[in-house]
Amino acid sequence: MAHPDLVGRKGLDVMRALNEAWGILKDEARKAAWDRENRPRSAPVNAAGSQATAEPVGDRPFWTGAMGRPPGRAIGTVLHFGIYDGWSLGEIARRDRGYLQWLRDRPEATELRGEIVRQLDPDAEEPPAPRQGRRR
């Protein structure tokens, strides 16, 4: 809840930020300008100054490496797939622990499970069994 009528003055700044964001999103020209200014450094740009269209490169999906260049020193195994292509598990753990929690249970990360669990919980003795999906 951010509405000032519900949370008082502390919600005022949040509500102002939300209104400003909505103003940018609903105006195509302002949205395009915001996208240009806040584009990740590694995103390709075409001649018109906008991000290049998403197309696969070789046999790799277009989102491969979408998070850009790694932020620092590699710690642990470096991924060669997915949005964090080129990042180490340690760099991902510092930036996006939720991604590691998701990746831990994915079949493409079976060999990395132990290291992922250690990144998420250094005190863990053995990796827990993968969580199963919900049954319908």
Protein backbone atom coordinates (compact mmCIF):
# COMPACT_ATOMS: atom_id res chain seq x y z
CA MET A 1 0.00 0.00 0.00
CA ALA A 2 1.35 3.35 -0.98
CA HIS A 3 -1.68 5.61 -1.15
CA PRO A 4 -1.25 8.57 1.24
CA ASP A 5 -4.88 8.30 2.37
CA LEU A 6 -4.13 4.80 3.65
CA VAL A 7 -0.56 5.05 4.96
CA GLY A 8 -0.16 8.77 5.62
CA ARG A 9 2.78 10.96 4.67
CA LYS A 10 5.23 8.08 4.34
CA GLY A 11 3.32 6.90 1.26
CA LEU A 12 3.48 10.30 -0.40
CA ASP A 13 6.94 9.86 -1.96
CA VAL A 14 6.11 6.35 -3.12
CA MET A 15 2.86 7.54 -4.68
CA ARG A 16 4.66 10.40 -6.44
CA ALA A 17 7.21 7.95 -7.87
CA LEU A 18 4.44 5.62 -9.03
CA ASN A 19 2.57 8.48 -10.71
CA GLU A 20 5.75 9.66 -12.44
CA ALA A 21 6.47 6.11 -13.67
CA TRP A 22 2.93 5.79 -15.00
CA GLY A 23 3.27 9.13 -16.76
CA ILE A 24 6.38 7.84 -18.54
CA LEU A 25 4.82 4.49 -19.44
CA LYS A 26 1.68 5.91 -20.97
CA ASP A 27 3.55 8.45 -23.16
CA GLU A 28 5.35 6.66 -26.01
CA ALA A 29 7.87 9.48 -26.59
CA ARG A 30 8.81 9.73 -22.89
CA LYS A 31 8.99 5.91 -22.65
CA ALA A 32 11.34 5.73 -25.64
CA ALA A 33 13.55 8.46 -24.14
CA TRP A 34 13.61 6.66 -20.77
CA ASP A 35 14.50 3.36 -22.49
CA ARG A 36 17.38 5.02 -24.36
CA GLU A 37 18.76 6.61 -21.17
CA ASN A 38 18.39 3.49 -19.03
CA ARG A 39 19.34 0.79 -21.53
CA PRO A 40 21.85 -1.79 -20.21
CA ARG A 41 25.34 -1.02 -21.48
CA SER A 42 25.59 -4.26 -23.44
CA ALA A 43 22.26 -3.92 -25.28
CA PRO A 44 22.77 -3.62 -29.03
CA VAL A 45 21.52 -0.43 -30.66
CA ASN A 46 20.39 -0.09 -34.25
CA ALA A 47 20.89 2.92 -36.53
CA ALA A 48 17.63 4.52 -35.36
CA GLY A 49 18.96 4.66 -31.79
CA SER A 50 16.62 2.02 -30.37
CA GLN A 51 17.44 -1.43 -29.10
CA ALA A 52 17.91 -4.03 -31.78
CA THR A 53 15.13 -6.53 -32.30
CA ALA A 54 15.31 -9.73 -30.32
CA GLU A 55 16.55 -12.45 -32.62
CA PRO A 56 18.47 -15.64 -31.88
CA VAL A 57 22.21 -15.63 -32.46
CA GLY A 58 23.21 -18.95 -33.99
CA ASP A 59 21.53 -21.68 -31.98
CA ARG A 60 21.29 -19.54 -28.83
CA PRO A 61 18.06 -17.78 -27.78
CA PHE A 62 17.90 -13.99 -28.07
CA TRP A 63 17.88 -13.52 -24.28
CA THR A 64 21.28 -15.16 -23.81
CA GLY A 65 23.44 -12.69 -21.91
CA ALA A 66 20.59 -10.19 -21.48
CA MET A 67 21.93 -9.07 -18.08
CA GLY A 68 25.03 -7.65 -19.72
CA ARG A 69 28.64 -7.94 -18.68
CA PRO A 70 29.53 -9.45 -15.32
CA PRO A 71 29.89 -6.81 -12.57
CA GLY A 72 33.14 -7.95 -11.02
CA ARG A 73 35.46 -10.78 -10.13
CA ALA A 74 34.29 -14.30 -11.02
CA ILE A 75 33.64 -16.53 -8.00
CA GLY A 76 32.87 -20.12 -8.89
CA THR A 77 31.60 -21.64 -12.09
CA VAL A 78 30.84 -19.29 -14.99
CA LEU A 79 27.54 -19.90 -16.79
CA HIS A 80 27.50 -20.29 -20.56
CA PHE A 81 23.73 -20.12 -21.01
CA GLY A 82 20.73 -18.02 -20.02
CA ILE A 83 20.37 -14.36 -19.18
CA TYR A 84 23.48 -14.45 -16.97
CA ASP A 85 25.72 -15.89 -19.71
CA GLY A 86 29.34 -15.09 -18.77
CA TRP A 87 28.57 -14.45 -15.07
CA SER A 88 29.88 -16.63 -12.27
CA LEU A 89 27.53 -18.16 -9.71
CA GLY A 90 29.08 -15.91 -7.05
CA GLU A 91 28.36 -12.76 -9.06
CA ILE A 92 24.77 -13.90 -9.60
CA ALA A 93 24.40 -14.66 -5.87
CA ARG A 94 25.42 -11.08 -5.05
CA ARG A 95 23.03 -9.57 -7.61
CA ASP A 96 20.04 -11.92 -7.96
CA ARG A 97 19.63 -14.71 -5.42
CA GLY A 98 16.11 -15.36 -6.69
CA TYR A 99 17.52 -16.42 -10.06
CA LEU A 100 19.81 -18.93 -8.34
CA GLN A 101 16.87 -20.32 -6.37
CA TRP A 102 14.99 -20.76 -9.63
CA LEU A 103 18.02 -22.19 -11.46
CA ARG A 104 18.74 -24.69 -8.67
CA ASP A 105 15.69 -26.75 -9.63
CA ARG A 106 16.14 -26.54 -13.41
CA PRO A 107 17.35 -29.60 -15.37
CA GLU A 108 20.06 -27.59 -17.18
CA ALA A 109 21.72 -26.85 -13.83
CA THR A 110 21.82 -30.40 -12.45
CA GLU A 111 25.63 -30.44 -12.39
CA LEU A 112 25.72 -27.04 -10.68
CA ARG A 113 23.20 -27.80 -7.91
CA GLY A 114 25.71 -28.36 -5.13
CA GLU A 115 27.58 -25.14 -5.90
CA ILE A 116 24.34 -23.16 -6.22
CA VAL A 117 23.15 -24.42 -2.83
CA ARG A 118 26.51 -23.45 -1.28
CA GLN A 119 26.20 -19.96 -2.78
CA LEU A 120 22.70 -19.60 -1.37
CA ASP A 121 23.55 -21.10 2.04
CA PRO A 122 27.28 -21.49 2.78
CA ASP A 123 26.49 -23.45 5.96
CA ALA A 124 24.43 -26.10 4.13
CA GLU A 125 25.91 -29.60 4.45
CA GLU A 126 24.12 -31.38 1.61
CA PRO A 127 21.99 -29.98 -1.16
CA PRO A 128 18.29 -30.69 -0.57
CA ALA A 129 16.37 -32.70 -3.14
CA PRO A 130 14.96 -30.62 -6.00
CA ARG A 131 11.47 -29.30 -5.46
CA GLN A 132 8.82 -30.84 -7.65
CA GLY A 133 6.31 -28.78 -9.58
CA ARG A 134 2.69 -28.59 -8.52
CA ARG A 135 0.32 -31.24 -9.72
CA ARG A 136 -2.85 -30.22 -11.42
